[in-house]
Amino acid sequence: MAHLALLLLVLIWTVPTFGLLISSVRDRDQLAVSGWWTSLTTVQRSFAGVLGTPADQVQEDDQFVIRGNVLGDDSNQVLVGFGTSINNPAEFPAGSSVEMRTGGTITVSEDGSYVWTSPTAFAHNRVRLFYTSQVPPRFTLDNYVEVITAAGIGRAFVNSFTVTVPATIIPILIAAFAAYALAWMRFPGRTLLVALMVGLLVVPLQMSLIPLLRLYNGIATTFGGSAKSYLGIWLAHTAFGLPLAIYLLRNYMAGLPREIMESARMDGASHFQIFVTMVLPLSFPALASFAIFQFLWVWNDLLVAIVFLGQSQNELVLTGQLRALLGSRGDNWEILTAGAFISIVVPLVVFFSLQRYFVRGLLAGSVKGG
């Protein structure tokens, strides 16, 4: 039963990700009208094509002829039917000859080529032909090229690194010292601090974001600094990440062998020496676990980045830049699939680099206590 539950959880996470990957390499036109599960099947779609103008006509014997291709020269579609009305775009099968309302007779082949003939010279305006064609699967990297070559993406990558790396390292350093103190040092109010720290884990970010921003803006204004700066977002992510970091590291450090600590104290080692030479190396799995959590959270963050950095072109992080590429009305939403995979490249590298410590540190921090 446990294996079935685990398999179900894997499928719940894997299937959408696989669908997102397939969508990211599909043709944008197909992506707009059908789901990723149809990516390997040929589908029928209806279109409208514009026929040639009188300027394209040539006279052959006693006939005036306009030739062209409604599918385009490089199309891989197969036309199955056409019509003169939008309500019935497959009224006539491919290869049929049909009288046009504007005069003349048109014959349309499966490859989309048509021959429109008339005994009198053409004098029509814009004429459309409606048709239904079979569209085979088509995979392309155009979505990735569009995202990578978009203006501002390189700068957004740099901004994301500038925000994420310090916002991951700073809370780890602070939390490691605090966790050691709460785990191995005896002082008044320690239990109350642990309870307060656990309580902070359930405080929603949205509830504390605006008060924190107002406090930071007041301090920055007092000292003549800028309210929109990297320092502000580093401190914000540090504040939001510290409760989880302290909780995870404190539980892990409290589970370290007491005999080692007592032996070091008997040898005259100070708390700082024990912390640097013994506790930190032994706590590396827990440190790596939190580093993964914090890196993923900060890298994928948009709300805190917009509040503390702003939305100018030079300040946007990667998530903000990808959102900007969608347009004000989401017109270019199809590039979101490619943008999602581009944005997770760095987090994947971090995760797979530290994943051997992840489960060990996470489980130890959740079941051990002192």
Protein backbone atom coordinates (compact mmCIF):
# COMPACT_ATOMS: atom_id res chain seq x y z
CA MET A 1 0.00 0.00 0.00
CA ALA A 2 2.83 2.36 0.84
CA HIS A 3 4.47 1.66 -2.52
CA LEU A 4 1.21 2.40 -4.35
CA ALA A 5 0.86 5.68 -2.48
CA LEU A 6 4.45 6.58 -3.34
CA LEU A 7 3.86 5.68 -7.00
CA LEU A 8 0.75 7.88 -7.03
CA LEU A 9 2.70 10.83 -5.61
CA VAL A 10 5.43 10.35 -8.22
CA LEU A 11 2.84 10.34 -11.00
CA ILE A 12 1.13 13.44 -9.64
CA TRP A 13 4.44 15.32 -9.82
CA THR A 14 5.84 13.71 -12.97
CA VAL A 15 2.91 13.85 -15.40
CA PRO A 16 2.43 17.66 -15.27
CA THR A 17 6.18 18.17 -15.56
CA PHE A 18 6.36 15.84 -18.55
CA GLY A 19 3.41 17.67 -20.10
CA LEU A 20 5.15 20.98 -19.57
CA LEU A 21 8.30 19.66 -21.24
CA ILE A 22 6.37 18.40 -24.27
CA SER A 23 4.51 21.70 -24.54
CA SER A 24 7.75 23.66 -24.47
CA VAL A 25 8.96 22.04 -27.72
CA ARG A 26 5.65 22.08 -29.60
CA ASP A 27 4.81 24.42 -32.43
CA ARG A 28 3.18 27.53 -30.96
CA ASP A 29 0.16 27.26 -33.27
CA GLN A 30 -0.55 23.69 -32.22
CA LEU A 31 0.10 24.53 -28.60
CA ALA A 32 -2.56 27.23 -28.75
CA VAL A 33 -5.36 24.89 -29.88
CA SER A 34 -4.63 21.44 -28.43
CA GLY A 35 -3.23 19.81 -25.31
CA TRP A 36 0.17 18.19 -24.96
CA TRP A 37 -1.38 14.70 -24.91
CA THR A 38 -2.25 15.18 -28.61
CA SER A 39 1.34 16.07 -29.53
CA LEU A 40 2.02 12.71 -31.24
CA THR A 41 -1.22 12.55 -33.22
CA THR A 42 -2.32 14.21 -36.42
CA VAL A 43 -5.21 16.60 -35.85
CA GLN A 44 -7.62 18.38 -38.16
CA ARG A 45 -7.89 22.14 -37.98
CA SER A 46 -9.77 24.76 -39.96
CA PHE A 47 -8.11 27.86 -41.39
CA ALA A 48 -8.82 30.80 -43.66
CA GLY A 49 -6.52 31.62 -46.57
CA VAL A 50 -6.40 34.68 -48.81
CA LEU A 51 -6.51 34.02 -52.53
CA GLY A 52 -4.52 35.87 -55.16
CA THR A 53 -5.45 39.33 -56.38
CA PRO A 54 -6.15 40.49 -59.94
CA ALA A 55 -2.52 41.60 -60.11
CA ASP A 56 -1.52 37.90 -59.96
CA GLN A 57 -3.63 36.79 -62.93
CA VAL A 58 -2.17 35.63 -66.19
CA GLN A 59 -3.94 34.99 -69.46
CA GLU A 60 -3.65 31.50 -70.92
CA ASP A 61 -5.41 31.09 -74.26
CA ASP A 62 -8.92 32.37 -73.62
CA GLN A 63 -8.80 31.98 -69.84
CA PHE A 64 -7.58 34.21 -67.03
CA VAL A 65 -5.75 32.17 -64.36
CA ILE A 66 -4.63 32.82 -60.78
CA ARG A 67 -2.41 30.22 -59.15
CA GLY A 68 -1.18 29.94 -55.56
CA ASN A 69 -1.10 27.80 -52.44
CA VAL A 70 -3.34 28.38 -49.43
CA LEU A 71 -1.10 26.25 -47.18
CA GLY A 72 2.13 28.03 -47.97
CA ASP A 73 5.20 26.76 -49.75
CA ASP A 74 6.87 25.06 -46.76
CA SER A 75 3.77 23.66 -45.05
CA ASN A 76 3.66 20.00 -43.99
CA GLN A 77 -0.16 19.99 -43.79
CA VAL A 78 -2.51 17.97 -46.00
CA LEU A 79 -5.70 19.67 -47.15
CA VAL A 80 -8.77 17.42 -46.80
CA GLY A 81 -11.55 19.85 -47.72
CA PHE A 82 -12.38 23.46 -48.49
CA GLY A 83 -15.35 25.77 -48.77
CA THR A 84 -16.42 29.30 -49.51
CA SER A 85 -18.18 29.79 -46.15
CA ILE A 86 -16.64 29.98 -42.69
CA ASN A 87 -19.53 27.86 -41.42
CA ASN A 88 -18.52 24.90 -43.58
CA PRO A 89 -14.75 24.91 -44.23
CA ALA A 90 -14.77 21.27 -45.44
CA GLU A 91 -17.80 21.46 -47.74
CA PHE A 92 -15.91 20.16 -50.77
CA PRO A 93 -13.21 17.45 -50.77
CA ALA A 94 -9.71 18.20 -51.99
CA GLY A 95 -9.42 18.06 -55.76
CA SER A 96 -12.94 19.37 -56.36
CA SER A 97 -13.76 22.22 -58.71
CA VAL A 98 -16.11 24.83 -57.25
CA GLU A 99 -17.79 27.91 -58.66
CA MET A 100 -16.72 31.04 -56.74
CA ARG A 101 -19.20 33.72 -55.75
CA THR A 102 -16.95 36.41 -57.25
CA GLY A 103 -16.77 34.53 -60.51
CA GLY A 104 -14.67 31.78 -62.02
CA THR A 105 -13.95 28.21 -60.99
CA ILE A 106 -11.36 27.13 -58.42
CA THR A 107 -9.73 23.73 -57.98
CA VAL A 108 -7.79 23.04 -54.76
CA SER A 109 -5.44 20.05 -54.38
CA GLU A 110 -4.35 18.15 -51.24
CA ASP A 111 -1.04 20.01 -51.15
CA GLY A 112 -2.92 23.33 -50.93
CA SER A 113 -2.16 24.49 -54.45
CA TYR A 114 -5.09 25.99 -56.32
CA VAL A 115 -5.96 27.05 -59.85
CA TRP A 116 -8.63 29.73 -60.20
CA THR A 117 -9.81 30.26 -63.78
CA SER A 118 -12.28 32.67 -65.32
CA PRO A 119 -13.29 33.48 -68.90
CA THR A 120 -13.21 37.19 -68.02
CA ALA A 121 -10.54 39.22 -66.29
CA PHE A 122 -10.57 39.14 -62.51
CA ALA A 123 -11.61 42.39 -60.83
CA HIS A 124 -12.31 41.23 -57.28
CA ASN A 125 -11.09 42.63 -54.00
CA ARG A 126 -9.81 40.51 -51.13
CA VAL A 127 -11.27 36.97 -51.29
CA ARG A 128 -10.84 34.33 -48.62
CA LEU A 129 -11.02 30.55 -48.94
CA PHE A 130 -11.80 28.42 -45.90
CA TYR A 131 -10.28 24.97 -45.61
CA THR A 132 -9.68 22.06 -43.25
CA SER A 133 -6.31 20.33 -43.18
CA GLN A 134 -4.55 17.56 -41.32
CA VAL A 135 -1.75 18.95 -39.17
CA PRO A 136 0.97 16.42 -38.30
CA PRO A 137 2.99 16.69 -35.07
CA ARG A 138 5.73 19.31 -35.19
CA PHE A 139 8.40 19.92 -32.57
CA THR A 140 10.61 22.96 -32.50
CA LEU A 141 12.97 24.92 -30.26
CA ASP A 142 11.52 28.26 -31.36
CA ASN A 143 9.96 28.88 -27.94
CA TYR A 144 13.35 28.46 -26.25
CA VAL A 145 15.06 30.67 -28.81
CA GLU A 146 12.46 33.38 -28.29
CA VAL A 147 12.95 33.34 -24.52
CA ILE A 148 16.75 33.15 -24.55
CA THR A 149 17.16 35.91 -27.13
CA ALA A 150 14.62 38.25 -25.51
CA ALA A 151 15.97 41.56 -24.29
CA GLY A 152 16.76 41.62 -20.60
CA ILE A 153 16.98 37.86 -19.97
CA GLY A 154 20.76 37.93 -19.41
CA ARG A 155 20.48 40.82 -16.98
CA ALA A 156 17.61 39.05 -15.21
CA PHE A 157 19.81 35.95 -14.73
CA VAL A 158 22.50 38.08 -13.11
CA ASN A 159 19.94 39.80 -10.89
CA SER A 160 18.55 36.45 -9.76
CA PHE A 161 22.03 35.21 -8.85
CA THR A 162 22.76 38.48 -7.04
CA VAL A 163 19.61 38.06 -4.97
CA THR A 164 19.67 34.29 -4.41
CA VAL A 165 23.26 33.54 -3.38
CA PRO A 166 23.51 36.02 -0.47
CA ALA A 167 19.89 35.35 0.53
CA THR A 168 20.83 31.69 0.90
CA ILE A 169 24.17 32.08 2.67
CA ILE A 170 23.21 34.81 5.18
CA PRO A 171 20.34 32.92 6.88
CA ILE A 172 22.44 29.73 7.03
CA LEU A 173 25.22 31.53 8.87
CA ILE A 174 22.88 33.20 11.35
CA ALA A 175 20.73 30.10 11.84
CA ALA A 176 23.73 27.86 12.46
CA PHE A 177 24.90 29.98 15.41
CA ALA A 178 21.36 30.31 16.77
CA ALA A 179 20.66 26.58 16.40
CA TYR A 180 23.82 25.64 18.30
CA ALA A 181 22.93 28.03 21.11
CA LEU A 182 19.40 26.64 21.40
CA ALA A 183 20.63 23.05 21.25
CA TRP A 184 23.71 23.05 23.53
CA MET A 185 23.86 26.23 25.55
CA ARG A 186 21.87 26.73 28.75
CA PHE A 187 20.43 30.20 29.34
CA PRO A 188 17.15 31.68 30.64
CA GLY A 189 14.28 31.79 28.18
CA ARG A 190 15.68 29.17 25.83
CA THR A 191 12.47 27.13 25.80
CA LEU A 192 10.43 30.26 25.12
CA LEU A 193 12.69 31.15 22.18
CA VAL A 194 12.26 27.67 20.72
CA ALA A 195 8.47 27.93 21.02
CA LEU A 196 8.52 31.40 19.44
CA MET A 197 10.64 30.17 16.60
CA VAL A 198 8.27 27.26 15.93
CA GLY A 199 5.32 29.68 16.01
CA LEU A 200 6.95 31.88 13.38
CA LEU A 201 6.89 28.95 10.94
CA VAL A 202 3.14 29.42 10.46
CA VAL A 203 3.21 33.20 9.90
CA PRO A 204 2.16 33.87 6.27
CA LEU A 205 4.65 35.84 4.23
CA GLN A 206 1.90 38.06 2.83
CA MET A 207 0.84 39.13 6.34
CA SER A 208 4.31 40.28 7.37
CA LEU A 209 5.62 41.60 4.06
CA ILE A 210 4.13 45.10 4.18
CA PRO A 211 5.02 45.80 7.86
CA LEU A 212 8.56 44.61 7.17
CA LEU A 213 8.79 46.83 4.08
CA ARG A 214 7.59 49.89 6.02
CA LEU A 215 10.10 49.20 8.78
CA TYR A 216 12.94 48.84 6.29
CA ASN A 217 11.91 51.96 4.37
CA GLY A 218 11.91 53.94 7.63
CA ILE A 219 15.40 52.74 8.53
CA ALA A 220 16.73 53.33 4.99
CA THR A 221 15.29 56.85 4.93
CA THR A 222 16.77 57.66 8.33
CA PHE A 223 20.27 56.71 7.22
CA GLY A 224 19.92 58.23 3.75
CA GLY A 225 19.90 54.92 1.88
CA SER A 226 17.73 53.71 -0.97
CA ALA A 227 14.52 51.86 -0.19
CA LYS A 228 14.92 49.74 -3.34
CA SER A 229 18.18 47.85 -2.93
CA TYR A 230 19.66 44.38 -2.80
CA LEU A 231 20.34 44.79 0.91
CA GLY A 232 16.61 45.09 1.55
CA ILE A 233 15.70 41.93 -0.31
CA TRP A 234 18.58 40.01 1.33
CA LEU A 235 17.33 41.00 4.77
CA ALA A 236 13.73 40.17 3.83
CA HIS A 237 14.58 36.67 2.61
CA THR A 238 16.79 36.18 5.65
CA ALA A 239 13.92 37.09 7.97
CA PHE A 240 11.46 34.80 6.20
CA GLY A 241 13.91 31.90 6.03
CA LEU A 242 15.35 32.00 9.55
CA PRO A 243 12.50 30.20 11.41
CA LEU A 244 12.72 27.11 9.21
CA ALA A 245 16.52 27.21 9.19
CA ILE A 246 16.78 27.44 12.98
CA TYR A 247 14.15 24.74 13.49
CA LEU A 248 15.82 22.33 11.08
CA LEU A 249 19.39 22.92 12.28
CA ARG A 250 18.51 23.01 15.99
CA ASN A 251 16.80 19.60 15.80
CA TYR A 252 19.72 18.15 13.88
CA MET A 253 22.38 19.56 16.20
CA ALA A 254 20.47 18.44 19.28
CA GLY A 255 20.70 14.89 17.99
CA LEU A 256 24.50 14.87 17.75
CA PRO A 257 26.29 12.56 20.25
CA ARG A 258 26.48 14.25 23.66
CA GLU A 259 29.67 12.34 24.52
CA ILE A 260 31.62 14.14 21.80
CA MET A 261 30.56 17.53 23.14
CA GLU A 262 31.36 16.66 26.74
CA SER A 263 34.75 15.24 25.73
CA ALA A 264 35.61 18.45 23.89
CA ARG A 265 34.54 20.58 26.86
CA MET A 266 36.71 18.49 29.19
CA ASP A 267 39.65 19.15 26.88
CA GLY A 268 39.08 22.90 27.36
CA ALA A 269 37.40 23.70 24.06
CA SER A 270 35.11 26.73 24.04
CA HIS A 271 31.62 26.76 22.56
CA PHE A 272 32.95 28.57 19.51
CA GLN A 273 35.69 26.00 18.95
CA ILE A 274 33.24 23.12 19.34
CA PHE A 275 30.85 24.81 16.93
CA VAL A 276 33.44 25.48 14.23
CA THR A 277 35.53 22.29 14.43
CA MET A 278 32.89 19.70 15.29
CA VAL A 279 29.28 20.78 14.96
CA LEU A 280 29.47 22.48 11.56
CA PRO A 281 31.17 19.55 9.77
CA LEU A 282 28.75 17.06 11.35
CA SER A 283 25.77 19.25 10.44
CA PHE A 284 26.57 19.55 6.77
CA PRO A 285 23.60 17.34 5.66
CA ALA A 286 21.18 19.63 7.49
CA LEU A 287 22.91 22.73 6.13
CA ALA A 288 22.65 21.32 2.59
CA SER A 289 18.97 20.49 3.09
CA PHE A 290 18.11 24.02 4.10
CA ALA A 291 20.32 25.47 1.36
CA ILE A 292 18.23 23.60 -1.23
CA PHE A 293 14.98 24.81 0.31
CA GLN A 294 16.12 28.42 0.55
CA PHE A 295 17.75 28.52 -2.89
CA LEU A 296 14.63 27.15 -4.59
CA TRP A 297 12.38 29.54 -2.70
CA VAL A 298 14.41 32.66 -3.42
CA TRP A 299 15.18 31.76 -7.04
CA ASN A 300 11.49 31.23 -7.85
CA ASP A 301 10.26 34.22 -5.84
CA LEU A 302 8.50 37.09 -7.57
CA LEU A 303 6.47 38.85 -4.88
CA VAL A 304 9.34 39.80 -2.56
CA ALA A 305 11.54 40.78 -5.50
CA ILE A 306 8.93 43.18 -6.89
CA VAL A 307 8.24 44.72 -3.46
CA PHE A 308 11.88 45.26 -2.46
CA LEU A 309 13.56 45.76 -5.86
CA GLY A 310 10.89 47.22 -8.11
CA GLN A 311 10.01 46.47 -11.72
CA SER A 312 12.46 48.51 -13.76
CA GLN A 313 14.34 46.71 -16.54
CA ASN A 314 17.65 46.73 -14.64
CA GLU A 315 16.12 45.38 -11.43
CA LEU A 316 13.85 42.58 -12.63
CA VAL A 317 14.79 39.06 -11.57
CA LEU A 318 14.29 36.11 -13.93
CA THR A 319 10.74 35.34 -12.80
CA GLY A 320 9.78 38.99 -13.28
CA GLN A 321 11.37 39.15 -16.74
CA LEU A 322 9.56 35.99 -17.86
CA ARG A 323 6.30 37.47 -16.65
CA ALA A 324 7.04 40.63 -18.62
CA LEU A 325 7.57 38.57 -21.79
CA LEU A 326 3.98 37.33 -21.60
CA GLY A 327 2.66 40.81 -22.35
CA SER A 328 0.12 42.83 -20.43
CA ARG A 329 -2.70 40.55 -21.57
CA GLY A 330 -0.82 37.26 -21.65
CA ASP A 331 -0.70 37.26 -25.46
CA ASN A 332 2.56 35.31 -25.57
CA TRP A 333 1.60 32.73 -22.98
CA GLU A 334 2.96 29.86 -25.09
CA ILE A 335 6.55 30.86 -24.23
CA LEU A 336 5.77 30.32 -20.56
CA THR A 337 6.43 26.59 -20.97
CA ALA A 338 9.94 27.16 -22.33
CA GLY A 339 10.56 29.92 -19.78
CA ALA A 340 9.64 27.56 -16.96
CA PHE A 341 12.30 25.03 -17.98
CA ILE A 342 14.91 27.71 -18.54
CA SER A 343 14.27 29.07 -15.05
CA ILE A 344 14.67 25.66 -13.36
CA VAL A 345 18.06 24.83 -14.89
CA VAL A 346 20.03 26.43 -12.05
CA PRO A 347 17.84 25.01 -9.23
CA LEU A 348 18.19 21.55 -10.75
CA VAL A 349 21.98 21.86 -10.76
CA VAL A 350 21.90 22.92 -7.08
CA PHE A 351 19.51 20.13 -6.12
CA PHE A 352 21.40 17.31 -7.83
CA SER A 353 24.69 18.60 -6.42
CA LEU A 354 23.35 18.41 -2.84
CA GLN A 355 20.63 15.77 -3.13
CA ARG A 356 22.67 13.03 -1.42
CA TYR A 357 22.57 15.12 1.75
CA PHE A 358 18.97 16.23 1.33
CA VAL A 359 17.01 13.23 2.61
CA ARG A 360 19.52 12.43 5.33
CA GLY A 361 19.52 15.96 6.70
CA LEU A 362 15.78 16.41 6.36
CA LEU A 363 14.87 13.18 8.12
CA ALA A 364 17.41 13.67 10.87
CA GLY A 365 16.15 17.20 11.52
CA SER A 366 12.55 16.04 11.73
CA VAL A 367 12.87 13.03 14.04
CA LYS A 368 15.69 13.96 16.39
CA GLY A 369 15.30 16.35 19.21
CA GLY A 370 17.04 17.38 22.40
